[in-house]
Amino acid sequence: MIDYQSGYILRPVKPSFIYISLVLALLLNFLPFGNHAWIPDWLIICIVFWNIHQHRYVGVVTAFLFGLVMDIHSGSLLGVHAFSYSLVSYLAIAWHNRITALSTFSQILNVFPIFLLVSLFPVLVNWALRDQIHWWGLTSVIQAMIEALLWPLATNVLLFPQRRPIDVDPNRPL
């Protein structure tokens, strides 16, 4: 895989690194920060990133299983996070060619609708089931904006182990 921003060929990713990063993101979501709009969903950032860059290792089923864990943890209606994570995972996999061809800061505009969908989905489900909308739930737009703004940081952190060194040995064939 080529990192289009730097022009370097990336090393193959280790599946253990992918799943360790997903578990660490899940543990970050478990921290008791409260349910505020400025707290991003670390797990969905990590899932979307790996769906875009390594969709053979992290797919819709993985996103669904992590969504079930988040449903159990948050105590919400069982399946809300699971369905929204799997829907967003499908969109990220479908858009991965378009997103990887852009620069990191242009990717922000393309991943923002994905994060907006996953943030607004629980609000829409509660609206459909209870026939009333909680306007404070629309602060999830702020959460989606923060998650999209964290995208360049996530890209740099999660691609760091794959980047080749700049100084190349001239005796190596690649």
N, C-alpha and C. Protein backbone atom coordinates (compact mmCIF):
# COMPACT_ATOMS: atom_id res chain seq x y z
N MET A 1 0.84 -1.17 0.00
CA MET A 1 0.00 0.00 0.00
C MET A 1 0.88 1.23 0.00
N ILE A 2 0.48 2.26 -0.71
CA ILE A 2 1.25 3.49 -0.80
C ILE A 2 0.58 4.57 0.02
N ASP A 3 1.38 5.28 0.80
CA ASP A 3 0.90 6.45 1.52
C ASP A 3 0.96 7.61 0.54
N TYR A 4 -0.19 8.07 0.05
CA TYR A 4 -0.22 9.06 -1.01
C TYR A 4 0.30 10.42 -0.58
N GLN A 5 0.25 10.73 0.71
CA GLN A 5 0.72 12.03 1.16
C GLN A 5 2.24 12.10 1.14
N SER A 6 2.90 11.04 1.55
CA SER A 6 4.36 11.09 1.62
C SER A 6 5.01 10.40 0.44
N GLY A 7 4.29 9.55 -0.27
CA GLY A 7 4.84 8.84 -1.40
C GLY A 7 5.59 7.58 -1.03
N TYR A 8 5.62 7.21 0.24
CA TYR A 8 6.34 6.03 0.67
C TYR A 8 5.46 4.79 0.56
N ILE A 9 6.11 3.67 0.35
CA ILE A 9 5.41 2.39 0.38
C ILE A 9 5.30 1.96 1.83
N LEU A 10 4.10 1.61 2.24
CA LEU A 10 3.87 1.20 3.62
C LEU A 10 4.18 -0.28 3.79
N ARG A 11 4.66 -0.62 4.97
CA ARG A 11 4.86 -2.02 5.31
C ARG A 11 3.51 -2.70 5.47
N PRO A 12 3.49 -4.02 5.35
CA PRO A 12 2.23 -4.72 5.62
C PRO A 12 1.84 -4.56 7.09
N VAL A 13 0.57 -4.43 7.31
CA VAL A 13 0.09 -4.25 8.68
C VAL A 13 -0.02 -5.61 9.35
N LYS A 14 0.28 -5.63 10.62
CA LYS A 14 0.13 -6.86 11.40
C LYS A 14 -1.30 -6.91 11.95
N PRO A 15 -1.99 -8.02 11.77
CA PRO A 15 -3.35 -8.10 12.30
C PRO A 15 -3.41 -7.92 13.81
N SER A 16 -2.35 -8.32 14.50
CA SER A 16 -2.35 -8.13 15.95
C SER A 16 -2.37 -6.64 16.30
N PHE A 17 -1.68 -5.81 15.52
CA PHE A 17 -1.70 -4.36 15.77
C PHE A 17 -3.10 -3.79 15.54
N ILE A 18 -3.78 -4.29 14.52
CA ILE A 18 -5.14 -3.81 14.23
C ILE A 18 -6.06 -4.10 15.41
N TYR A 19 -6.05 -5.34 15.89
CA TYR A 19 -6.98 -5.72 16.95
C TYR A 19 -6.58 -5.14 18.30
N ILE A 20 -5.29 -4.92 18.53
CA ILE A 20 -4.87 -4.25 19.75
C ILE A 20 -5.34 -2.80 19.74
N SER A 21 -5.25 -2.14 18.58
CA SER A 21 -5.72 -0.76 18.51
C SER A 21 -7.24 -0.67 18.69
N LEU A 22 -7.96 -1.65 18.19
CA LEU A 22 -9.42 -1.66 18.38
C LEU A 22 -9.78 -1.89 19.84
N VAL A 23 -9.08 -2.78 20.51
CA VAL A 23 -9.36 -3.03 21.93
C VAL A 23 -8.99 -1.82 22.77
N LEU A 24 -7.88 -1.15 22.44
CA LEU A 24 -7.51 0.07 23.17
C LEU A 24 -8.54 1.18 22.96
N ALA A 25 -9.07 1.29 21.74
CA ALA A 25 -10.12 2.28 21.49
C ALA A 25 -11.39 1.92 22.26
N LEU A 26 -11.69 0.64 22.35
CA LEU A 26 -12.84 0.20 23.14
C LEU A 26 -12.64 0.55 24.62
N LEU A 27 -11.44 0.33 25.13
CA LEU A 27 -11.15 0.67 26.52
C LEU A 27 -11.21 2.18 26.75
N LEU A 28 -10.82 2.97 25.76
CA LEU A 28 -10.97 4.43 25.88
C LEU A 28 -12.44 4.83 25.96
N ASN A 29 -13.30 4.11 25.24
CA ASN A 29 -14.73 4.38 25.34
C ASN A 29 -15.30 3.97 26.69
N PHE A 30 -14.66 3.01 27.36
CA PHE A 30 -15.14 2.56 28.66
C PHE A 30 -14.79 3.51 29.79
N LEU A 31 -13.86 4.44 29.57
CA LEU A 31 -13.48 5.38 30.63
C LEU A 31 -14.67 6.24 31.03
N PRO A 32 -14.84 6.52 32.30
CA PRO A 32 -16.04 7.24 32.76
C PRO A 32 -15.93 8.75 32.60
N PHE A 33 -15.89 9.21 31.35
CA PHE A 33 -15.85 10.66 31.09
C PHE A 33 -17.24 11.28 31.10
N GLY A 34 -18.27 10.47 30.99
CA GLY A 34 -19.62 10.99 30.88
C GLY A 34 -20.04 11.01 29.43
N ASN A 35 -21.29 11.32 29.22
CA ASN A 35 -21.83 11.35 27.87
C ASN A 35 -21.95 12.80 27.40
N HIS A 36 -20.81 13.40 27.13
CA HIS A 36 -20.79 14.79 26.69
C HIS A 36 -20.51 14.85 25.20
N ALA A 37 -20.87 15.97 24.60
CA ALA A 37 -20.71 16.12 23.15
C ALA A 37 -19.25 16.24 22.74
N TRP A 38 -18.40 16.68 23.62
CA TRP A 38 -17.00 16.88 23.25
C TRP A 38 -16.15 15.63 23.45
N ILE A 39 -16.75 14.55 23.92
CA ILE A 39 -16.04 13.27 24.08
C ILE A 39 -16.27 12.45 22.80
N PRO A 40 -15.22 12.20 22.03
CA PRO A 40 -15.43 11.45 20.78
C PRO A 40 -15.59 9.95 21.05
N ASP A 41 -16.18 9.28 20.10
CA ASP A 41 -16.29 7.84 20.14
C ASP A 41 -15.02 7.28 19.50
N TRP A 42 -14.07 6.91 20.35
CA TRP A 42 -12.76 6.48 19.88
C TRP A 42 -12.85 5.21 19.06
N LEU A 43 -13.78 4.35 19.42
CA LEU A 43 -13.91 3.08 18.74
C LEU A 43 -14.36 3.27 17.30
N ILE A 44 -15.29 4.16 17.06
CA ILE A 44 -15.77 4.33 15.69
C ILE A 44 -14.70 4.99 14.82
N ILE A 45 -13.87 5.84 15.40
CA ILE A 45 -12.76 6.42 14.64
C ILE A 45 -11.82 5.30 14.20
N CYS A 46 -11.51 4.40 15.10
CA CYS A 46 -10.60 3.30 14.81
C CYS A 46 -11.23 2.31 13.83
N ILE A 47 -12.50 2.01 13.99
CA ILE A 47 -13.17 1.08 13.08
C ILE A 47 -13.23 1.65 11.68
N VAL A 48 -13.59 2.92 11.55
CA VAL A 48 -13.66 3.54 10.23
C VAL A 48 -12.28 3.60 9.59
N PHE A 49 -11.26 3.91 10.39
CA PHE A 49 -9.91 3.96 9.84
C PHE A 49 -9.49 2.60 9.29
N TRP A 50 -9.70 1.55 10.06
CA TRP A 50 -9.28 0.23 9.59
C TRP A 50 -10.18 -0.28 8.49
N ASN A 51 -11.44 0.13 8.45
CA ASN A 51 -12.29 -0.23 7.31
C ASN A 51 -11.81 0.42 6.03
N ILE A 52 -11.31 1.61 6.13
CA ILE A 52 -10.82 2.30 4.94
C ILE A 52 -9.48 1.76 4.50
N HIS A 53 -8.58 1.51 5.44
CA HIS A 53 -7.21 1.14 5.08
C HIS A 53 -6.99 -0.37 4.99
N GLN A 54 -7.66 -1.15 5.80
CA GLN A 54 -7.46 -2.60 5.82
C GLN A 54 -8.81 -3.30 5.96
N HIS A 55 -9.65 -3.20 4.95
CA HIS A 55 -10.99 -3.75 5.06
C HIS A 55 -11.03 -5.26 4.98
N ARG A 56 -9.91 -5.89 4.67
CA ARG A 56 -9.89 -7.35 4.67
C ARG A 56 -9.80 -7.90 6.10
N TYR A 57 -9.24 -7.13 7.01
CA TYR A 57 -9.11 -7.57 8.40
C TYR A 57 -10.27 -7.12 9.27
N VAL A 58 -10.74 -5.92 9.04
CA VAL A 58 -11.83 -5.36 9.85
C VAL A 58 -13.00 -5.08 8.92
N GLY A 59 -14.06 -5.83 9.09
CA GLY A 59 -15.21 -5.69 8.22
C GLY A 59 -16.47 -5.36 8.99
N VAL A 60 -17.58 -5.64 8.36
CA VAL A 60 -18.88 -5.33 8.93
C VAL A 60 -19.15 -6.20 10.16
N VAL A 61 -18.73 -7.45 10.12
CA VAL A 61 -18.98 -8.35 11.25
C VAL A 61 -18.20 -7.88 12.48
N THR A 62 -16.96 -7.47 12.29
CA THR A 62 -16.16 -6.96 13.42
C THR A 62 -16.81 -5.71 14.00
N ALA A 63 -17.27 -4.82 13.13
CA ALA A 63 -17.94 -3.61 13.61
C ALA A 63 -19.23 -3.96 14.35
N PHE A 64 -19.96 -4.95 13.86
CA PHE A 64 -21.19 -5.37 14.53
C PHE A 64 -20.91 -5.92 15.92
N LEU A 65 -19.86 -6.74 16.05
CA LEU A 65 -19.53 -7.32 17.36
C LEU A 65 -19.08 -6.25 18.34
N PHE A 66 -18.26 -5.30 17.88
CA PHE A 66 -17.87 -4.21 18.77
C PHE A 66 -19.07 -3.33 19.11
N GLY A 67 -20.01 -3.20 18.18
CA GLY A 67 -21.23 -2.45 18.47
C GLY A 67 -22.07 -3.12 19.54
N LEU A 68 -22.13 -4.45 19.51
CA LEU A 68 -22.86 -5.17 20.56
C LEU A 68 -22.21 -4.95 21.92
N VAL A 69 -20.88 -4.94 21.96
CA VAL A 69 -20.18 -4.68 23.22
C VAL A 69 -20.50 -3.27 23.71
N MET A 70 -20.55 -2.30 22.79
CA MET A 70 -20.88 -0.93 23.19
C MET A 70 -22.33 -0.81 23.64
N ASP A 71 -23.23 -1.58 23.03
CA ASP A 71 -24.62 -1.59 23.49
C ASP A 71 -24.74 -2.12 24.90
N ILE A 72 -24.02 -3.19 25.19
CA ILE A 72 -24.05 -3.76 26.53
C ILE A 72 -23.44 -2.80 27.53
N HIS A 73 -22.35 -2.15 27.15
CA HIS A 73 -21.69 -1.22 28.06
C HIS A 73 -22.54 0.01 28.34
N SER A 74 -23.14 0.58 27.31
CA SER A 74 -23.89 1.82 27.50
C SER A 74 -25.28 1.59 28.07
N GLY A 75 -25.77 0.37 28.00
CA GLY A 75 -27.10 0.08 28.53
C GLY A 75 -28.20 0.62 27.64
N SER A 76 -27.89 0.90 26.41
CA SER A 76 -28.90 1.40 25.49
C SER A 76 -29.66 0.23 24.87
N LEU A 77 -30.58 0.55 24.01
CA LEU A 77 -31.36 -0.45 23.32
C LEU A 77 -30.42 -1.39 22.56
N LEU A 78 -30.57 -2.68 22.80
CA LEU A 78 -29.64 -3.64 22.22
C LEU A 78 -29.76 -3.64 20.70
N GLY A 79 -28.66 -3.36 20.04
CA GLY A 79 -28.60 -3.36 18.59
C GLY A 79 -28.45 -2.00 17.97
N VAL A 80 -28.61 -0.92 18.75
CA VAL A 80 -28.51 0.42 18.17
C VAL A 80 -27.08 0.69 17.73
N HIS A 81 -26.13 0.50 18.63
CA HIS A 81 -24.73 0.70 18.25
C HIS A 81 -24.29 -0.35 17.24
N ALA A 82 -24.74 -1.57 17.41
CA ALA A 82 -24.33 -2.65 16.52
C ALA A 82 -24.77 -2.36 15.09
N PHE A 83 -26.02 -1.92 14.91
CA PHE A 83 -26.49 -1.63 13.57
C PHE A 83 -25.81 -0.40 13.00
N SER A 84 -25.66 0.65 13.82
CA SER A 84 -25.03 1.86 13.28
C SER A 84 -23.55 1.63 12.97
N TYR A 85 -22.85 0.86 13.80
CA TYR A 85 -21.45 0.56 13.51
C TYR A 85 -21.31 -0.27 12.24
N SER A 86 -22.20 -1.24 12.05
CA SER A 86 -22.10 -2.06 10.84
C SER A 86 -22.50 -1.28 9.60
N LEU A 87 -23.47 -0.39 9.69
CA LEU A 87 -23.85 0.46 8.57
C LEU A 87 -22.71 1.40 8.18
N VAL A 88 -22.11 2.01 9.18
CA VAL A 88 -20.99 2.91 8.94
C VAL A 88 -19.79 2.14 8.40
N SER A 89 -19.59 0.93 8.87
CA SER A 89 -18.51 0.09 8.36
C SER A 89 -18.72 -0.22 6.88
N TYR A 90 -19.95 -0.52 6.51
CA TYR A 90 -20.24 -0.77 5.10
C TYR A 90 -19.96 0.47 4.25
N LEU A 91 -20.37 1.64 4.72
CA LEU A 91 -20.11 2.87 3.98
C LEU A 91 -18.62 3.16 3.86
N ALA A 92 -17.89 2.92 4.92
CA ALA A 92 -16.44 3.17 4.88
C ALA A 92 -15.75 2.23 3.91
N ILE A 93 -16.17 0.99 3.87
CA ILE A 93 -15.59 0.04 2.92
C ILE A 93 -15.96 0.42 1.50
N ALA A 94 -17.19 0.87 1.29
CA ALA A 94 -17.62 1.26 -0.05
C ALA A 94 -16.88 2.50 -0.55
N TRP A 95 -16.52 3.40 0.36
CA TRP A 95 -15.86 4.66 -0.02
C TRP A 95 -14.35 4.60 0.12
N HIS A 96 -13.76 3.44 0.42
CA HIS A 96 -12.34 3.42 0.76
C HIS A 96 -11.44 3.84 -0.40
N ASN A 97 -11.79 3.53 -1.64
CA ASN A 97 -10.95 3.96 -2.76
C ASN A 97 -10.96 5.48 -2.91
N ARG A 98 -12.11 6.09 -2.73
CA ARG A 98 -12.20 7.53 -2.87
C ARG A 98 -11.48 8.25 -1.74
N ILE A 99 -11.61 7.75 -0.52
CA ILE A 99 -11.03 8.44 0.62
C ILE A 99 -9.51 8.31 0.65
N THR A 100 -8.98 7.14 0.31
CA THR A 100 -7.53 6.97 0.38
C THR A 100 -6.81 7.76 -0.71
N ALA A 101 -7.48 8.12 -1.77
CA ALA A 101 -6.84 8.88 -2.84
C ALA A 101 -6.71 10.37 -2.50
N LEU A 102 -7.37 10.82 -1.45
CA LEU A 102 -7.35 12.24 -1.08
C LEU A 102 -6.25 12.52 -0.07
N SER A 103 -5.94 13.78 0.10
CA SER A 103 -5.01 14.17 1.16
C SER A 103 -5.71 14.01 2.51
N THR A 104 -4.92 14.01 3.55
CA THR A 104 -5.47 13.75 4.89
C THR A 104 -6.50 14.80 5.28
N PHE A 105 -6.25 16.04 4.95
CA PHE A 105 -7.20 17.09 5.35
C PHE A 105 -8.43 17.10 4.45
N SER A 106 -8.33 16.61 3.23
CA SER A 106 -9.52 16.46 2.39
C SER A 106 -10.36 15.27 2.83
N GLN A 107 -9.72 14.33 3.47
CA GLN A 107 -10.45 13.17 3.97
C GLN A 107 -11.42 13.56 5.08
N ILE A 108 -11.12 14.65 5.77
CA ILE A 108 -12.00 15.09 6.86
C ILE A 108 -13.41 15.33 6.34
N LEU A 109 -13.52 15.96 5.18
CA LEU A 109 -14.84 16.25 4.61
C LEU A 109 -15.56 14.98 4.16
N ASN A 110 -14.82 13.94 3.85
CA ASN A 110 -15.44 12.70 3.41
C ASN A 110 -15.81 11.76 4.55
N VAL A 111 -15.10 11.85 5.67
CA VAL A 111 -15.46 10.99 6.80
C VAL A 111 -16.46 11.68 7.73
N PHE A 112 -16.66 12.98 7.59
CA PHE A 112 -17.63 13.67 8.45
C PHE A 112 -19.05 13.11 8.29
N PRO A 113 -19.55 12.85 7.07
CA PRO A 113 -20.90 12.25 6.99
C PRO A 113 -20.98 10.87 7.62
N ILE A 114 -19.90 10.13 7.58
CA ILE A 114 -19.88 8.80 8.22
C ILE A 114 -20.01 8.95 9.73
N PHE A 115 -19.24 9.86 10.31
CA PHE A 115 -19.31 10.08 11.75
C PHE A 115 -20.64 10.72 12.15
N LEU A 116 -21.19 11.55 11.28
CA LEU A 116 -22.48 12.17 11.56
C LEU A 116 -23.59 11.12 11.59
N LEU A 117 -23.51 10.16 10.69
CA LEU A 117 -24.52 9.10 10.66
C LEU A 117 -24.49 8.27 11.93
N VAL A 118 -23.29 7.91 12.37
CA VAL A 118 -23.20 7.07 13.57
C VAL A 118 -23.57 7.86 14.83
N SER A 119 -23.41 9.17 14.80
CA SER A 119 -23.78 9.98 15.97
C SER A 119 -25.28 10.26 16.02
N LEU A 120 -25.90 10.44 14.86
CA LEU A 120 -27.32 10.77 14.84
C LEU A 120 -28.23 9.54 14.87
N PHE A 121 -27.69 8.37 14.59
CA PHE A 121 -28.54 7.17 14.52
C PHE A 121 -29.24 6.86 15.84
N PRO A 122 -28.57 6.89 17.01
CA PRO A 122 -29.32 6.65 18.25
C PRO A 122 -30.40 7.69 18.51
N VAL A 123 -30.17 8.92 18.13
CA VAL A 123 -31.18 9.97 18.30
C VAL A 123 -32.40 9.68 17.43
N LEU A 124 -32.16 9.26 16.19
CA LEU A 124 -33.27 8.94 15.29
C LEU A 124 -34.04 7.70 15.74
N VAL A 125 -33.34 6.72 16.29
CA VAL A 125 -34.02 5.52 16.78
C VAL A 125 -34.90 5.86 17.98
N ASN A 126 -34.37 6.68 18.90
CA ASN A 126 -35.18 7.09 20.05
C ASN A 126 -36.38 7.92 19.61
N TRP A 127 -36.21 8.72 18.59
CA TRP A 127 -37.31 9.51 18.06
C TRP A 127 -38.38 8.60 17.45
N ALA A 128 -37.96 7.60 16.74
CA ALA A 128 -38.92 6.70 16.10
C ALA A 128 -39.65 5.84 17.13
N LEU A 129 -38.96 5.43 18.20
CA LEU A 129 -39.59 4.54 19.17
C LEU A 129 -40.44 5.28 20.19
N ARG A 130 -40.02 6.45 20.60
CA ARG A 130 -40.74 7.18 21.66
C ARG A 130 -41.62 8.29 21.11
N ASP A 131 -41.55 8.54 19.83
CA ASP A 131 -42.35 9.56 19.16
C ASP A 131 -42.10 10.96 19.73
N GLN A 132 -40.92 11.17 20.25
CA GLN A 132 -40.51 12.50 20.69
C GLN A 132 -39.01 12.62 20.46
N ILE A 133 -38.58 13.81 20.14
CA ILE A 133 -37.16 14.01 19.87
C ILE A 133 -36.56 14.84 21.00
N HIS A 134 -35.41 14.44 21.42
CA HIS A 134 -34.68 15.18 22.44
C HIS A 134 -33.69 16.08 21.72
N TRP A 135 -33.88 17.37 21.83
CA TRP A 135 -33.03 18.31 21.08
C TRP A 135 -31.61 18.32 21.61
N TRP A 136 -31.41 17.90 22.85
CA TRP A 136 -30.04 17.82 23.34
C TRP A 136 -29.28 16.71 22.63
N GLY A 137 -29.99 15.77 22.04
CA GLY A 137 -29.35 14.70 21.28
C GLY A 137 -28.71 15.20 20.00
N LEU A 138 -29.13 16.35 19.54
CA LEU A 138 -28.54 16.90 18.33
C LEU A 138 -27.16 17.50 18.57
N THR A 139 -26.72 17.49 19.82
CA THR A 139 -25.33 17.90 20.08
C THR A 139 -24.35 16.85 19.57
N SER A 140 -24.89 15.73 19.11
CA SER A 140 -24.03 14.71 18.53
C SER A 140 -23.39 15.20 17.23
N VAL A 141 -23.93 16.26 16.64
CA VAL A 141 -23.28 16.88 15.48
C VAL A 141 -21.91 17.43 15.89
N ILE A 142 -21.84 17.97 17.10
CA ILE A 142 -20.56 18.47 17.62
C ILE A 142 -19.60 17.29 17.79
N GLN A 143 -20.10 16.18 18.28
CA GLN A 143 -19.26 15.00 18.45
C GLN A 143 -18.74 14.51 17.10
N ALA A 144 -19.58 14.53 16.07
CA ALA A 144 -19.15 14.10 14.74
C ALA A 144 -18.09 15.05 14.18
N MET A 145 -18.23 16.34 14.46
CA MET A 145 -17.23 17.30 14.00
C MET A 145 -15.89 17.06 14.69
N ILE A 146 -15.92 16.78 15.98
CA ILE A 146 -14.68 16.51 16.72
C ILE A 146 -14.03 15.23 16.22
N GLU A 147 -14.83 14.21 15.96
CA GLU A 147 -14.28 12.96 15.44
C GLU A 147 -13.66 13.16 14.06
N ALA A 148 -14.30 13.97 13.23
CA ALA A 148 -13.73 14.24 11.91
C ALA A 148 -12.45 15.06 12.02
N LEU A 149 -12.38 15.97 12.97
CA LEU A 149 -11.16 16.76 13.15
C LEU A 149 -10.03 15.93 13.75
N LEU A 150 -10.36 14.84 14.43
CA LEU A 150 -9.34 13.94 14.96
C LEU A 150 -8.83 12.96 13.91
N TRP A 151 -9.41 12.98 12.73
CA TRP A 151 -9.02 12.04 11.68
C TRP A 151 -7.54 12.14 11.29
N PRO A 152 -6.95 13.33 11.09
CA PRO A 152 -5.52 13.37 10.76
C PRO A 152 -4.64 12.80 11.87
N LEU A 153 -5.01 13.03 13.12
CA LEU A 153 -4.25 12.45 14.23
C LEU A 153 -4.35 10.93 14.23
N ALA A 154 -5.55 10.41 13.99
CA ALA A 154 -5.73 8.96 13.93
C ALA A 154 -4.95 8.36 12.77
N THR A 155 -4.92 9.07 11.65
CA THR A 155 -4.17 8.59 10.49
C THR A 155 -2.68 8.51 10.81
N ASN A 156 -2.14 9.54 11.43
CA ASN A 156 -0.71 9.54 11.75
C ASN A 156 -0.36 8.49 12.80
N VAL A 157 -1.20 8.33 13.81
CA VAL A 157 -0.90 7.38 14.88
C VAL A 157 -1.04 5.93 14.40
N LEU A 158 -2.10 5.63 13.65
CA LEU A 158 -2.35 4.25 13.26
C LEU A 158 -1.51 3.80 12.05
N LEU A 159 -1.02 4.74 11.26
CA LEU A 159 -0.13 4.37 10.15
C LEU A 159 1.34 4.42 10.54
N PHE A 160 1.65 4.89 11.73
CA PHE A 160 3.05 5.05 12.14
C PHE A 160 3.85 3.75 12.09
N PRO A 161 3.33 2.62 12.58
CA PRO A 161 4.14 1.39 12.52
C PRO A 161 4.38 0.88 11.10
N GLN A 162 3.59 1.32 10.15
CA GLN A 162 3.71 0.81 8.79
C GLN A 162 4.65 1.64 7.91
N ARG A 163 5.01 2.81 8.34
CA ARG A 163 5.83 3.68 7.49
C ARG A 163 7.26 3.15 7.41
N ARG A 164 7.80 3.15 6.22
CA ARG A 164 9.19 2.72 6.02
C ARG A 164 10.12 3.84 6.44
N PRO A 165 11.32 3.50 6.83
CA PRO A 165 12.28 4.55 7.18
C PRO A 165 12.67 5.37 5.95
N ILE A 166 13.02 6.65 6.19
CA ILE A 166 13.36 7.54 5.09
C ILE A 166 14.71 7.16 4.49
N ASP A 167 15.69 6.87 5.33
CA ASP A 167 17.00 6.49 4.81
C ASP A 167 16.96 5.02 4.40
N VAL A 168 17.12 4.78 3.12
CA VAL A 168 16.99 3.45 2.56
C VAL A 168 18.39 2.91 2.27
N ASP A 169 18.58 1.65 2.56
CA ASP A 169 19.84 0.98 2.27
C ASP A 169 19.94 0.78 0.75
N PRO A 170 21.01 1.28 0.10
CA PRO A 170 21.09 1.15 -1.36
C PRO A 170 21.29 -0.28 -1.83
N ASN A 171 21.67 -1.18 -0.95
CA ASN A 171 21.90 -2.57 -1.34
C ASN A 171 20.63 -3.42 -1.29
N ARG A 172 19.56 -2.85 -0.70
CA ARG A 172 18.30 -3.58 -0.62
C ARG A 172 17.56 -3.44 -1.96
N PRO A 173 16.93 -4.50 -2.42
CA PRO A 173 16.24 -4.41 -3.72
C PRO A 173 14.99 -3.54 -3.69
N LEU A 174 14.32 -3.42 -2.54
CA LEU A 174 13.10 -2.61 -2.48
C LEU A 174 13.28 -1.42 -1.59
